[in-house]
Amino acid sequence: MRLTSYYMPTLREKPAEAEILSHQLMLRGGMIRKLASGIYSFLPLGYRVVRKVEEIIRQEMNAKGALEVFLPVVQPAELWRETGRWDRFGKELLRFKDRGEREFCLGPTHEEVITDLVRNELRSYRQLPVNLYQIHVKFRDETRPRFGLMRAREFVMKDAYSFDADERGLSRSYQDMYDAYSRIFTRCGLRFTAVEADTGAIGGDVSHEFMVWAETGEDVIVRCCRCGYAANLERAEFQPSKGKWDEGEKPLEKVYTPNMKTVEEVTGFLGVSPSCLIKTLLYQTEKGFVALMVPGDREVNETKVLHLLGVEELELAASVHVEEITGAPVGFAGPVGLKGVKLVADRTLDGMGNVVVGANEEDYHFVNATPGRDFSWDVAGDIVKARPGDRCHRCGTALEFSKGIEVGHIFKLGTKYSEAMGARFLDEKGQERPFVMGCYGIGVTRTAASAIEQSHDDDGIIWPISIAPFQCYLLPTNWERADIRNAAEGLYHRLLERGVEVLLDDRDERAGVKFKDADLIGMPIRVTLGERGIKKGLCEVKLRREERPRDVSIEQAIEEVVSMRDALFKEVAV
């Protein structure tokens, strides 16, 4: 491809709207342009990357026997009502009515649509297993779309759905997808790890996220370097450290704490450690209000609370409700004498004594409160987030924490959707049974952006060879010189003949501009033809990730580039 015939509008300055590197570099590199909040157009260079990611996905999905389909993005409300998700999914589901006043939504995912398709087509166990996938646009009306392609409202996703006769078959399908995902992200040149994850709004009881390691990631990866345990922060388990009670039991005492509402204020005023205070936080669920009790130096893990209580909605109670329940403003709630609300305790409170709690009275706290004597709870469990210093629940080794970006998520759905939608087949005994399902997603556009977050320098992108828009950037420094132009034309055609994807910078631009653009868009290999080298029959060949170029004769340049390209592909081979 010749750059004079290509649409690649690069930018010199960092766009004001870009918050993270991938967003910045894709805008500057002429790969994407914003249409509306969280909605982007892909320009030719960026779309080449997306298509390469898609092709790797197709190859690995097909290798596992999955079959590609293409499903409607507009979905009728009736299907979502069958599963109960029409009301539960929240505002991310963009709902609308057609001219006949029939309700629809733009698909954020396709569990209902694929289940409806299969229930009308597959009837016998002899037709199973089946795994259907698509690469499609999704829309989720994010509250705060940000970070470019990382949290967009419209995005490209690969979603697959497996249908098996039993749990054993589901486990095989799930493992097939786990293996396929590992190959896909390896071939995309990403450093990643698979972690245990919460199933969230999709449902099911087992899931794994595939996380790309990146300091700009919004997710936290919790890992044990000894036994290999890995989970995201929502799911991460750890060994509980039981509360210490070094002193003998002391009498409960109410103390004056004027305007002291936060943990830091109260413990600083009383001269105690935050771990010696129990926070009591009021939350509202669809089943009523609950009071969560956690150590003052811990954060509530709302995902764990949802699972422990078996509820679907959980949000902090409004201040007016806190005052109605406790009789005091926010900041003074406590478990002593608290009535009319379910008390839920973190497991680490067991064994604690002489702690500080709110007194349910403005400007007052209790000291020397002791569980079992002064208060108790209705439910106890693990309801706090893991943190540095915690130990692995499997082997006791200190857990490691790092940032990551979720690029893939696989779920064992079981019969959640098939039961709700009456999707059944006849088994070998002629009895009706629900399909046992799994679902498997990859953020295609997010994968492209994640590669940039993981592989870049101060000058721009460093693309992995497998998803780079082009493999080689051919840079003649002065297109007006006939000897440089002729040498570049010769290399260009011979590289194309050898199957090298090459972008020829045939613009009448200063060399400095060309070098800046070459580094910005990040092709893995660069070949430079300059005025000094051309006199000696030499050109420079350089890997984007390396600092120094190599002087190579123009005659040898083709073999050098092909050799470099093949070596780079071997690095991402599986």
Protein backbone atom coordinates (compact mmCIF):
# COMPACT_ATOMS: atom_id res chain seq x y z
CA MET A 1 0.00 0.00 0.00
CA ARG A 2 1.23 3.49 -0.91
CA LEU A 3 0.74 6.13 1.73
CA THR A 4 -0.22 8.76 -0.87
CA SER A 5 -3.21 6.54 -1.69
CA TYR A 6 -4.04 5.78 1.93
CA TYR A 7 -6.20 7.62 4.46
CA MET A 8 -4.06 8.01 7.60
CA PRO A 9 -4.66 11.45 9.17
CA THR A 10 -2.05 11.51 11.95
CA LEU A 11 -2.01 14.16 14.67
CA ARG A 12 1.06 15.81 16.19
CA GLU A 13 -0.50 16.86 19.51
CA LYS A 14 -2.14 14.74 22.19
CA PRO A 15 -5.94 15.09 21.91
CA ALA A 16 -7.44 16.72 25.01
CA GLU A 17 -10.14 14.04 25.28
CA ALA A 18 -7.67 11.13 25.48
CA GLU A 19 -7.23 9.84 29.03
CA ILE A 20 -5.06 6.77 28.47
CA LEU A 21 -2.32 5.87 26.01
CA SER A 22 -4.28 3.56 23.74
CA HIS A 23 -6.96 6.21 23.27
CA GLN A 24 -4.35 8.89 22.65
CA LEU A 25 -2.26 6.87 20.22
CA MET A 26 -5.19 5.52 18.22
CA LEU A 27 -6.47 9.06 17.73
CA ARG A 28 -3.03 10.44 16.92
CA GLY A 29 -2.24 7.52 14.63
CA GLY A 30 -5.33 8.11 12.51
CA MET A 31 -6.98 4.83 13.54
CA ILE A 32 -10.22 5.98 15.16
CA ARG A 33 -12.37 9.10 15.37
CA LYS A 34 -15.07 9.92 17.89
CA LEU A 35 -18.64 10.19 16.61
CA ALA A 36 -20.42 10.54 19.97
CA SER A 37 -19.69 9.71 23.59
CA GLY A 38 -18.36 6.15 23.65
CA ILE A 39 -18.98 5.65 19.91
CA TYR A 40 -16.08 5.57 17.44
CA SER A 41 -15.53 5.29 13.71
CA PHE A 42 -12.66 3.04 12.61
CA LEU A 43 -10.38 4.44 9.94
CA PRO A 44 -8.52 2.12 7.52
CA LEU A 45 -5.41 1.64 9.68
CA GLY A 46 -7.37 0.85 12.84
CA TYR A 47 -9.80 -1.42 11.05
CA ARG A 48 -6.94 -3.51 9.67
CA VAL A 49 -5.95 -4.27 13.27
CA VAL A 50 -9.52 -5.22 14.18
CA ARG A 51 -9.79 -7.53 11.17
CA LYS A 52 -6.54 -9.27 12.10
CA VAL A 53 -7.77 -9.88 15.65
CA GLU A 54 -11.01 -11.22 14.20
CA GLU A 55 -9.16 -13.58 11.87
CA ILE A 56 -7.12 -15.07 14.71
CA ILE A 57 -10.34 -15.56 16.68
CA ARG A 58 -12.06 -17.24 13.73
CA GLN A 59 -9.18 -19.62 13.16
CA GLU A 60 -9.07 -20.76 16.78
CA MET A 61 -12.85 -20.98 17.20
CA ASN A 62 -13.19 -22.98 13.99
CA ALA A 63 -10.38 -25.27 15.13
CA LYS A 64 -12.51 -26.17 18.17
CA GLY A 65 -15.51 -27.00 16.00
CA ALA A 66 -17.44 -23.80 16.70
CA LEU A 67 -19.69 -22.58 13.87
CA GLU A 68 -20.05 -18.93 12.91
CA VAL A 69 -23.46 -17.28 12.77
CA PHE A 70 -24.65 -13.68 12.54
CA LEU A 71 -27.50 -12.61 14.82
CA PRO A 72 -29.66 -9.46 14.83
CA VAL A 73 -28.48 -6.54 16.96
CA VAL A 74 -32.13 -5.45 17.48
CA GLN A 75 -33.82 -7.79 19.96
CA PRO A 76 -37.50 -7.99 20.99
CA ALA A 77 -38.36 -7.27 24.62
CA GLU A 78 -40.41 -10.48 24.90
CA LEU A 79 -37.26 -12.61 24.84
CA TRP A 80 -35.66 -10.59 27.62
CA ARG A 81 -38.84 -10.77 29.68
CA GLU A 82 -38.75 -14.57 29.47
CA THR A 83 -35.46 -14.56 31.38
CA GLY A 84 -36.39 -11.65 33.62
CA ARG A 85 -33.49 -9.53 32.39
CA TRP A 86 -35.61 -6.83 30.77
CA ASP A 87 -36.09 -5.21 34.18
CA ARG A 88 -32.91 -6.44 35.89
CA PHE A 89 -30.29 -5.45 33.33
CA GLY A 90 -30.50 -1.77 34.23
CA LYS A 91 -29.95 1.40 32.23
CA GLU A 92 -27.13 -0.09 30.16
CA LEU A 93 -29.85 -1.79 28.12
CA LEU A 94 -30.90 0.71 25.44
CA ARG A 95 -34.64 0.22 25.02
CA PHE A 96 -36.85 1.68 22.29
CA LYS A 97 -40.17 1.17 20.49
CA ASP A 98 -40.80 0.68 16.79
CA ARG A 99 -43.60 2.37 14.84
CA GLY A 100 -45.99 -0.32 16.04
CA GLU A 101 -45.21 0.51 19.69
CA ARG A 102 -43.47 -2.87 20.10
CA GLU A 103 -40.56 -2.80 22.54
CA PHE A 104 -37.01 -3.68 21.51
CA CYS A 105 -33.47 -3.21 22.70
CA LEU A 106 -30.03 -2.94 21.12
CA GLY A 107 -28.24 -6.15 22.04
CA PRO A 108 -25.54 -5.85 24.72
CA THR A 109 -25.24 -9.64 24.57
CA HIS A 110 -27.13 -12.46 22.82
CA GLU A 111 -28.03 -15.20 25.32
CA GLU A 112 -31.76 -14.80 24.75
CA VAL A 113 -31.50 -14.61 20.97
CA ILE A 114 -29.29 -17.68 20.62
CA THR A 115 -31.43 -19.69 23.06
CA ASP A 116 -34.55 -18.79 21.08
CA LEU A 117 -32.85 -19.89 17.87
CA VAL A 118 -31.72 -23.23 19.27
CA ARG A 119 -34.98 -24.11 21.03
CA ASN A 120 -36.74 -23.90 17.68
CA GLU A 121 -34.15 -25.94 15.78
CA LEU A 122 -32.43 -28.58 17.95
CA ARG A 123 -34.59 -31.34 19.37
CA SER A 124 -32.41 -34.42 19.95
CA TYR A 125 -29.34 -35.27 22.01
CA ARG A 126 -27.91 -36.66 18.77
CA GLN A 127 -27.54 -33.08 17.51
CA LEU A 128 -25.36 -32.10 20.49
CA PRO A 129 -22.94 -30.63 21.33
CA VAL A 130 -23.23 -27.40 19.36
CA ASN A 131 -21.15 -24.26 19.75
CA LEU A 132 -22.29 -21.20 17.78
CA TYR A 133 -20.34 -17.94 17.67
CA GLN A 134 -20.48 -14.55 16.02
CA ILE A 135 -18.33 -11.45 15.70
CA HIS A 136 -20.74 -8.60 16.02
CA VAL A 137 -21.37 -5.05 17.22
CA LYS A 138 -22.75 -4.72 20.74
CA PHE A 139 -24.21 -1.67 22.48
CA ARG A 140 -24.22 -0.99 26.21
CA ASP A 141 -25.32 2.44 27.38
CA GLU A 142 -22.47 2.96 29.83
CA THR A 143 -23.03 5.60 32.51
CA ARG A 144 -19.50 6.93 32.06
CA PRO A 145 -17.97 5.84 28.76
CA ARG A 146 -14.25 6.61 28.91
CA PHE A 147 -10.77 5.52 27.91
CA GLY A 148 -11.61 5.29 24.21
CA LEU A 149 -12.19 1.68 23.17
CA MET A 150 -11.69 0.38 26.71
CA ARG A 151 -15.12 1.43 27.94
CA ALA A 152 -17.07 2.33 24.85
CA ARG A 153 -20.82 2.13 24.43
CA GLU A 154 -20.60 0.53 20.98
CA PHE A 155 -17.94 -2.11 20.44
CA VAL A 156 -17.09 -5.25 18.48
CA MET A 157 -17.34 -8.50 20.41
CA LYS A 158 -16.96 -12.18 19.70
CA ASP A 159 -19.62 -14.09 21.60
CA ALA A 160 -20.05 -17.85 21.52
CA TYR A 161 -22.68 -20.12 23.07
CA SER A 162 -22.35 -23.83 23.67
CA PHE A 163 -25.22 -26.30 24.07
CA ASP A 164 -24.58 -29.66 25.70
CA ALA A 165 -26.65 -32.53 27.01
CA ASP A 166 -25.14 -32.58 30.51
CA GLU A 167 -22.61 -31.00 32.88
CA ARG A 168 -19.84 -33.30 31.68
CA GLY A 169 -20.35 -32.08 28.13
CA LEU A 170 -20.38 -28.46 29.34
CA SER A 171 -17.06 -29.00 31.11
CA ARG A 172 -15.52 -30.23 27.84
CA SER A 173 -16.91 -27.25 25.91
CA TYR A 174 -15.71 -24.87 28.61
CA GLN A 175 -12.21 -26.32 28.55
CA ASP A 176 -12.15 -26.11 24.75
CA MET A 177 -12.95 -22.40 24.97
CA TYR A 178 -10.43 -21.87 27.77
CA ASP A 179 -7.74 -23.43 25.57
CA ALA A 180 -8.88 -21.51 22.48
CA TYR A 181 -8.77 -18.21 24.36
CA SER A 182 -5.28 -18.95 25.63
CA ARG A 183 -4.16 -19.52 22.04
CA ILE A 184 -5.96 -16.43 20.74
CA PHE A 185 -4.37 -14.02 23.20
CA THR A 186 -0.96 -15.64 22.81
CA ARG A 187 -1.20 -15.25 19.03
CA CYS A 188 -2.24 -11.61 19.49
CA GLY A 189 1.08 -11.07 21.25
CA LEU A 190 -0.44 -10.28 24.65
CA ARG A 191 0.88 -11.08 28.12
CA PHE A 192 -2.16 -12.28 30.02
CA THR A 193 -3.49 -14.49 32.75
CA ALA A 194 -6.82 -16.27 33.31
CA VAL A 195 -8.45 -15.53 36.67
CA GLU A 196 -11.50 -16.75 38.54
CA ALA A 197 -14.26 -14.18 38.20
CA ASP A 198 -17.78 -13.29 39.25
CA THR A 199 -20.53 -14.16 36.77
CA GLY A 200 -22.40 -10.86 37.21
CA ALA A 201 -25.49 -10.11 35.12
CA ILE A 202 -24.74 -12.94 32.65
CA GLY A 203 -25.28 -15.60 35.29
CA GLY A 204 -24.03 -19.10 35.94
CA ASP A 205 -21.82 -20.38 38.73
CA VAL A 206 -18.32 -20.65 37.18
CA SER A 207 -16.44 -18.12 35.10
CA HIS A 208 -12.92 -16.99 34.18
CA GLU A 209 -11.71 -13.64 32.93
CA PHE A 210 -8.71 -13.33 30.65
CA MET A 211 -6.75 -10.32 31.84
CA VAL A 212 -4.00 -8.47 30.01
CA TRP A 213 -1.36 -7.12 32.37
CA ALA A 214 -1.27 -3.32 32.12
CA GLU A 215 -0.72 -0.57 34.67
CA THR A 216 -3.55 1.43 33.12
CA GLY A 217 -6.04 -1.40 33.69
CA GLU A 218 -9.18 -0.75 35.72
CA ASP A 219 -9.26 -4.28 37.10
CA VAL A 220 -7.14 -5.72 39.90
CA ILE A 221 -5.60 -9.17 39.48
CA VAL A 222 -4.94 -11.10 42.70
CA ARG A 223 -2.43 -13.94 42.27
CA CYS A 224 -0.48 -16.47 44.28
CA CYS A 225 2.95 -17.08 42.78
CA ARG A 226 3.29 -20.40 44.60
CA CYS A 227 0.14 -22.42 43.86
CA GLY A 228 -1.09 -20.48 40.80
CA TYR A 229 -4.37 -19.26 42.28
CA ALA A 230 -5.62 -16.18 40.43
CA ALA A 231 -8.84 -14.17 40.66
CA ASN A 232 -10.10 -10.69 40.05
CA LEU A 233 -10.63 -8.49 43.09
CA GLU A 234 -14.38 -9.08 43.13
CA ARG A 235 -13.88 -12.81 43.44
CA ALA A 236 -10.56 -13.07 45.31
CA GLU A 237 -10.53 -15.24 48.42
CA PHE A 238 -7.96 -15.09 51.20
CA GLN A 239 -7.18 -16.59 54.59
CA PRO A 240 -9.07 -14.72 57.28
CA SER A 241 -6.97 -13.25 60.05
CA LYS A 242 -9.02 -13.64 63.18
CA GLY A 243 -9.46 -10.54 65.30
CA LYS A 244 -7.09 -10.33 68.26
CA TRP A 245 -8.29 -9.71 71.79
CA ASP A 246 -5.19 -9.24 73.87
CA GLU A 247 -6.89 -7.59 76.84
CA GLY A 248 -9.53 -8.91 79.17
CA GLU A 249 -13.17 -8.01 78.72
CA LYS A 250 -13.97 -4.39 79.55
CA PRO A 251 -17.35 -2.79 80.25
CA LEU A 252 -19.22 -1.14 77.39
CA GLU A 253 -18.86 2.64 77.52
CA LYS A 254 -20.48 5.43 75.52
CA VAL A 255 -18.10 8.26 74.63
CA TYR A 256 -18.60 11.70 73.14
CA THR A 257 -17.14 12.00 69.61
CA PRO A 258 -18.19 15.44 68.37
CA ASN A 259 -18.51 15.61 64.55
CA MET A 260 -16.39 12.46 64.23
CA LYS A 261 -17.96 10.46 61.40
CA THR A 262 -15.21 8.78 59.39
CA VAL A 263 -13.03 5.91 60.52
CA GLU A 264 -9.97 8.16 60.43
CA GLU A 265 -11.64 10.86 62.51
CA VAL A 266 -13.01 8.50 65.15
CA THR A 267 -9.91 6.35 65.58
CA GLY A 268 -7.66 9.40 65.58
CA PHE A 269 -9.79 11.05 68.25
CA LEU A 270 -9.87 7.91 70.42
CA GLY A 271 -6.25 6.95 69.77
CA VAL A 272 -6.98 3.43 68.49
CA SER A 273 -6.14 1.51 65.31
CA PRO A 274 -8.75 1.39 62.51
CA SER A 275 -8.67 -2.41 62.85
CA CYS A 276 -10.17 -1.94 66.35
CA LEU A 277 -13.26 -0.24 64.95
CA ILE A 278 -16.24 -1.96 63.33
CA LYS A 279 -17.93 -0.01 60.54
CA THR A 280 -21.68 -0.50 60.27
CA LEU A 281 -22.91 0.36 56.78
CA LEU A 282 -26.57 0.39 55.79
CA TYR A 283 -27.45 -0.99 52.37
CA GLN A 284 -30.73 -1.37 50.54
CA THR A 285 -31.66 -4.58 48.66
CA GLU A 286 -34.81 -5.71 46.90
CA LYS A 287 -35.55 -7.72 50.07
CA GLY A 288 -35.13 -4.82 52.47
CA PHE A 289 -32.33 -3.06 54.34
CA VAL A 290 -29.26 -4.77 55.74
CA ALA A 291 -26.49 -3.56 58.05
CA LEU A 292 -23.00 -4.71 57.06
CA MET A 293 -20.34 -4.90 59.77
CA VAL A 294 -16.71 -4.90 58.67
CA PRO A 295 -13.39 -3.95 60.29
CA GLY A 296 -12.57 -0.26 60.00
CA ASP A 297 -9.51 -0.96 57.88
CA ARG A 298 -11.39 -3.07 55.31
CA GLU A 299 -13.57 -2.29 52.28
CA VAL A 300 -16.92 -3.96 51.61
CA ASN A 301 -16.91 -6.29 48.61
CA GLU A 302 -20.41 -5.74 47.25
CA THR A 303 -20.17 -8.69 44.87
CA LYS A 304 -19.51 -11.07 47.75
CA VAL A 305 -22.43 -9.56 49.66
CA LEU A 306 -24.78 -10.16 46.74
CA HIS A 307 -23.82 -13.84 46.68
CA LEU A 308 -23.93 -14.30 50.45
CA LEU A 309 -27.41 -12.81 50.76
CA GLY A 310 -28.77 -14.16 47.48
CA VAL A 311 -29.96 -10.72 46.32
CA GLU A 312 -29.72 -9.01 42.95
CA GLU A 313 -29.70 -5.35 44.03
CA LEU A 314 -27.39 -3.70 46.53
CA GLU A 315 -26.74 0.00 47.05
CA LEU A 316 -25.81 2.22 49.97
CA ALA A 317 -28.88 3.44 51.82
CA ALA A 318 -29.78 7.10 51.42
CA SER A 319 -29.00 9.31 54.42
CA VAL A 320 -32.70 9.75 55.17
CA HIS A 321 -33.13 5.98 55.49
CA VAL A 322 -30.00 5.67 57.65
CA GLU A 323 -31.45 8.20 60.07
CA GLU A 324 -34.85 6.48 60.08
CA ILE A 325 -33.29 3.09 60.91
CA THR A 326 -30.56 4.12 63.36
CA GLY A 327 -31.96 7.35 64.81
CA ALA A 328 -28.69 9.11 63.97
CA PRO A 329 -27.04 10.78 60.98
CA VAL A 330 -24.64 8.92 58.70
CA GLY A 331 -21.39 8.18 60.54
CA PHE A 332 -22.80 7.02 63.87
CA ALA A 333 -24.50 3.72 62.99
CA GLY A 334 -23.61 0.70 65.11
CA PRO A 335 -24.88 -2.81 65.91
CA VAL A 336 -25.58 -2.32 69.64
CA GLY A 337 -29.35 -2.15 70.05
CA LEU A 338 -29.95 -1.86 66.30
CA LYS A 339 -33.41 -3.25 65.49
CA GLY A 340 -35.53 -3.95 62.41
CA VAL A 341 -32.69 -4.70 60.02
CA LYS A 342 -30.70 -7.83 59.14
CA LEU A 343 -27.17 -7.70 60.58
CA VAL A 344 -24.44 -9.16 58.36
CA ALA A 345 -20.91 -9.55 59.72
CA ASP A 346 -17.61 -10.18 58.03
CA ARG A 347 -16.08 -13.46 59.22
CA THR A 348 -13.04 -11.63 60.63
CA LEU A 349 -15.18 -10.15 63.42
CA ASP A 350 -15.39 -13.54 65.09
CA GLY A 351 -13.14 -13.42 68.16
CA MET A 352 -12.82 -9.65 68.35
CA GLY A 353 -13.47 -7.74 71.54
CA ASN A 354 -13.22 -4.29 73.07
CA VAL A 355 -13.93 -2.63 69.73
CA VAL A 356 -15.32 0.77 68.79
CA VAL A 357 -18.79 0.92 67.19
CA GLY A 358 -21.29 3.66 66.47
CA ALA A 359 -23.82 4.35 69.22
CA ASN A 360 -26.78 5.16 66.91
CA GLU A 361 -26.76 8.61 68.43
CA GLU A 362 -25.32 11.77 66.94
CA ASP A 363 -21.78 12.56 68.18
CA TYR A 364 -21.45 9.31 70.20
CA HIS A 365 -19.66 5.99 69.84
CA PHE A 366 -19.31 2.94 72.05
CA VAL A 367 -15.92 1.67 73.13
CA ASN A 368 -15.18 -1.80 74.50
CA ALA A 369 -18.05 -3.35 72.51
CA THR A 370 -17.80 -7.14 72.40
CA PRO A 371 -19.62 -9.44 69.95
CA GLY A 372 -21.80 -11.98 71.70
CA ARG A 373 -22.19 -9.80 74.78
CA ASP A 374 -23.23 -6.42 73.40
CA PHE A 375 -24.44 -7.38 69.92
CA SER A 376 -24.70 -10.29 67.52
CA TRP A 377 -25.50 -10.85 63.85
CA ASP A 378 -27.85 -12.81 61.65
CA VAL A 379 -25.42 -13.82 58.91
CA ALA A 380 -21.62 -14.01 58.73
CA GLY A 381 -19.32 -14.60 55.79
CA ASP A 382 -16.53 -13.23 53.62
CA ILE A 383 -17.78 -9.76 52.58
CA VAL A 384 -14.57 -7.70 52.31
CA LYS A 385 -12.03 -7.12 49.54
CA ALA A 386 -8.66 -8.82 49.58
CA ARG A 387 -5.73 -6.45 50.07
CA PRO A 388 -1.92 -6.52 50.05
CA GLY A 389 -0.68 -8.53 53.00
CA ASP A 390 -3.48 -11.10 52.79
CA ARG A 391 -2.51 -14.72 52.26
CA CYS A 392 -3.68 -17.27 49.73
CA HIS A 393 -6.60 -19.34 50.98
CA ARG A 394 -5.10 -22.41 49.34
CA CYS A 395 -1.45 -22.41 50.36
CA GLY A 396 -0.92 -19.48 52.71
CA THR A 397 1.55 -17.60 50.50
CA ALA A 398 1.29 -13.80 50.40
CA LEU A 399 -0.94 -12.69 47.54
CA GLU A 400 0.35 -10.43 44.77
CA PHE A 401 -1.71 -7.58 43.31
CA SER A 402 -1.41 -6.09 39.83
CA LYS A 403 -3.50 -4.11 37.35
CA GLY A 404 -5.14 -5.68 34.34
CA ILE A 405 -7.57 -5.20 31.46
CA GLU A 406 -10.32 -7.75 30.89
CA VAL A 407 -10.29 -8.86 27.25
CA GLY A 408 -12.21 -12.13 27.50
CA HIS A 409 -14.74 -13.78 29.80
CA ILE A 410 -16.08 -17.35 29.75
CA PHE A 411 -19.06 -18.65 31.74
CA LYS A 412 -20.67 -21.94 32.68
CA LEU A 413 -24.31 -20.88 32.42
CA GLY A 414 -25.84 -24.25 33.20
CA THR A 415 -29.59 -24.27 32.59
CA LYS A 416 -30.34 -20.67 33.61
CA TYR A 417 -31.50 -19.57 30.16
CA SER A 418 -32.74 -22.87 28.81
CA GLU A 419 -35.00 -23.41 31.84
CA ALA A 420 -36.35 -19.86 31.70
CA MET A 421 -37.04 -20.04 27.97
CA GLY A 422 -38.22 -23.64 27.71
CA ALA A 423 -35.29 -24.69 25.51
CA ARG A 424 -35.36 -28.48 25.72
CA PHE A 425 -34.20 -31.55 23.85
CA LEU A 426 -35.06 -35.25 23.99
CA ASP A 427 -32.39 -37.40 25.66
CA GLU A 428 -31.58 -41.03 24.77
CA LYS A 429 -34.57 -42.18 26.85
CA GLY A 430 -36.95 -39.86 25.06
CA GLN A 431 -37.29 -37.54 28.04
CA GLU A 432 -37.22 -33.76 27.76
CA ARG A 433 -34.27 -32.01 29.36
CA PRO A 434 -32.99 -28.43 29.28
CA PHE A 435 -29.84 -27.65 27.32
CA VAL A 436 -26.77 -27.14 29.48
CA MET A 437 -25.19 -23.94 28.24
CA GLY A 438 -21.96 -21.97 28.32
CA CYS A 439 -21.14 -18.55 26.90
CA TYR A 440 -17.80 -17.09 25.90
CA GLY A 441 -16.97 -13.48 25.01
CA ILE A 442 -13.96 -11.59 23.67
CA GLY A 443 -13.81 -7.81 23.36
CA VAL A 444 -12.33 -7.54 19.87
CA THR A 445 -11.83 -3.78 19.80
CA ARG A 446 -10.72 -3.79 23.43
CA THR A 447 -8.11 -6.44 22.59
CA ALA A 448 -6.64 -4.12 19.96
CA ALA A 449 -6.47 -1.24 22.45
CA SER A 450 -5.01 -3.52 25.14
CA ALA A 451 -2.12 -4.43 22.85
CA ILE A 452 -1.21 -0.74 22.72
CA GLU A 453 -1.48 -0.32 26.50
CA GLN A 454 0.94 -3.20 26.90
CA SER A 455 3.34 -2.41 24.06
CA HIS A 456 4.39 1.19 23.42
CA ASP A 457 7.13 3.72 24.13
CA ASP A 458 7.39 7.50 24.28
CA ASP A 459 7.25 7.74 20.48
CA GLY A 460 4.18 5.62 19.82
CA ILE A 461 2.82 2.11 19.35
CA ILE A 462 4.87 -1.09 19.09
CA TRP A 463 2.48 -3.54 17.42
CA PRO A 464 2.83 -7.32 17.80
CA ILE A 465 3.51 -8.68 14.31
CA SER A 466 0.31 -10.75 14.24
CA ILE A 467 -2.08 -7.82 14.57
CA ALA A 468 0.01 -4.95 13.15
CA PRO A 469 -1.78 -3.02 10.38
CA PHE A 470 1.23 -3.65 8.14
CA GLN A 471 4.33 -5.70 8.82
CA CYS A 472 6.86 -3.33 7.29
CA TYR A 473 7.14 0.44 6.91
CA LEU A 474 9.26 1.35 3.88
CA LEU A 475 10.68 4.85 4.39
CA PRO A 476 12.52 6.64 1.56
CA THR A 477 13.79 9.85 3.16
CA ASN A 478 13.63 11.93 -0.04
CA TRP A 479 11.06 10.85 -2.61
CA GLU A 480 12.25 13.51 -5.06
CA ARG A 481 15.64 11.81 -5.54
CA ALA A 482 15.41 9.35 -8.41
CA ASP A 483 17.94 6.89 -6.98
CA ILE A 484 16.10 6.67 -3.64
CA ARG A 485 12.71 6.51 -5.34
CA ASN A 486 13.78 3.76 -7.73
CA ALA A 487 15.35 1.70 -4.95
CA ALA A 488 12.20 2.08 -2.85
CA GLU A 489 9.97 1.02 -5.74
CA GLY A 490 12.11 -2.06 -6.30
CA LEU A 491 12.04 -3.07 -2.64
CA TYR A 492 8.32 -2.40 -2.44
CA HIS A 493 7.41 -4.75 -5.28
CA ARG A 494 9.81 -7.49 -4.19
CA LEU A 495 8.51 -7.38 -0.62
CA LEU A 496 4.95 -7.71 -1.88
CA GLU A 497 6.02 -10.69 -3.99
CA ARG A 498 7.39 -12.35 -0.83
CA GLY A 499 4.08 -11.87 0.95
CA VAL A 500 5.22 -9.05 3.21
CA GLU A 501 2.53 -6.51 4.11
CA VAL A 502 4.33 -3.25 3.39
CA LEU A 503 3.34 0.40 3.66
CA LEU A 504 5.41 2.61 1.35
CA ASP A 505 5.76 6.20 2.55
CA ASP A 506 5.88 7.83 -0.89
CA ARG A 507 4.86 11.25 0.40
CA ASP A 508 6.79 14.36 -0.52
CA GLU A 509 7.45 15.12 3.17
CA ARG A 510 10.51 15.90 5.26
CA ALA A 511 12.32 12.85 6.62
CA GLY A 512 11.60 13.94 10.19
CA VAL A 513 7.85 13.84 9.59
CA LYS A 514 8.11 10.36 8.13
CA PHE A 515 10.18 9.03 11.04
CA LYS A 516 7.69 10.51 13.52
CA ASP A 517 4.76 8.88 11.76
CA ALA A 518 6.59 5.56 11.44
CA ASP A 519 7.23 5.43 15.19
CA LEU A 520 3.74 6.67 16.02
CA ILE A 521 1.84 3.99 14.10
CA GLY A 522 4.31 1.31 15.17
CA MET A 523 4.85 -1.17 12.34
CA PRO A 524 7.13 -3.97 13.62
CA ILE A 525 9.83 -3.53 10.92
CA ARG A 526 11.11 -0.36 9.29
CA VAL A 527 13.31 -0.16 6.20
CA THR A 528 14.91 3.25 5.57
CA LEU A 529 16.49 4.40 2.31
CA GLY A 530 18.57 7.52 2.89
CA GLU A 531 20.91 9.73 0.90
CA ARG A 532 24.12 8.51 2.53
CA GLY A 533 23.28 4.82 2.41
CA ILE A 534 22.01 4.80 -1.15
CA LYS A 535 25.44 5.82 -2.45
CA LYS A 536 26.90 2.67 -0.87
CA GLY A 537 24.02 0.42 -1.88
CA LEU A 538 22.84 0.20 1.71
CA CYS A 539 19.59 0.64 3.60
CA GLU A 540 18.72 0.56 7.29
CA VAL A 541 16.57 -2.25 8.67
CA LYS A 542 15.20 -1.80 12.17
CA LEU A 543 12.78 -3.51 14.52
CA ARG A 544 10.37 -0.99 16.03
CA ARG A 545 11.05 -2.28 19.54
CA GLU A 546 14.83 -1.87 19.18
CA GLU A 547 16.81 1.37 19.30
CA ARG A 548 19.52 0.77 16.71
CA PRO A 549 19.04 -0.02 13.00
CA ARG A 550 21.21 -2.42 11.03
CA ASP A 551 22.96 -1.47 7.80
CA VAL A 552 22.04 -4.03 5.15
CA SER A 553 22.75 -4.06 1.45
CA ILE A 554 19.71 -3.28 -0.62
CA GLU A 555 20.06 -6.68 -2.29
CA GLN A 556 19.94 -8.46 1.09
CA ALA A 557 17.14 -6.32 2.52
CA ILE A 558 14.35 -8.56 1.28
CA GLU A 559 15.73 -11.68 2.98
CA GLU A 560 16.48 -9.67 6.13
CA VAL A 561 12.91 -8.39 6.37
CA VAL A 562 11.39 -11.81 5.67
CA SER A 563 13.67 -13.37 8.29
CA MET A 564 12.71 -10.72 10.85
CA ARG A 565 9.03 -11.14 10.12
CA ASP A 566 9.18 -14.93 10.46
CA ALA A 567 11.11 -14.65 13.74
CA LEU A 568 8.51 -12.26 15.14
CA PHE A 569 5.71 -14.65 14.20
CA LYS A 570 7.52 -17.49 15.98
CA GLU A 571 7.44 -15.42 19.18
CA VAL A 572 3.62 -15.48 19.18
CA ALA A 573 3.21 -19.00 17.85
CA VAL A 574 1.52 -21.70 19.95
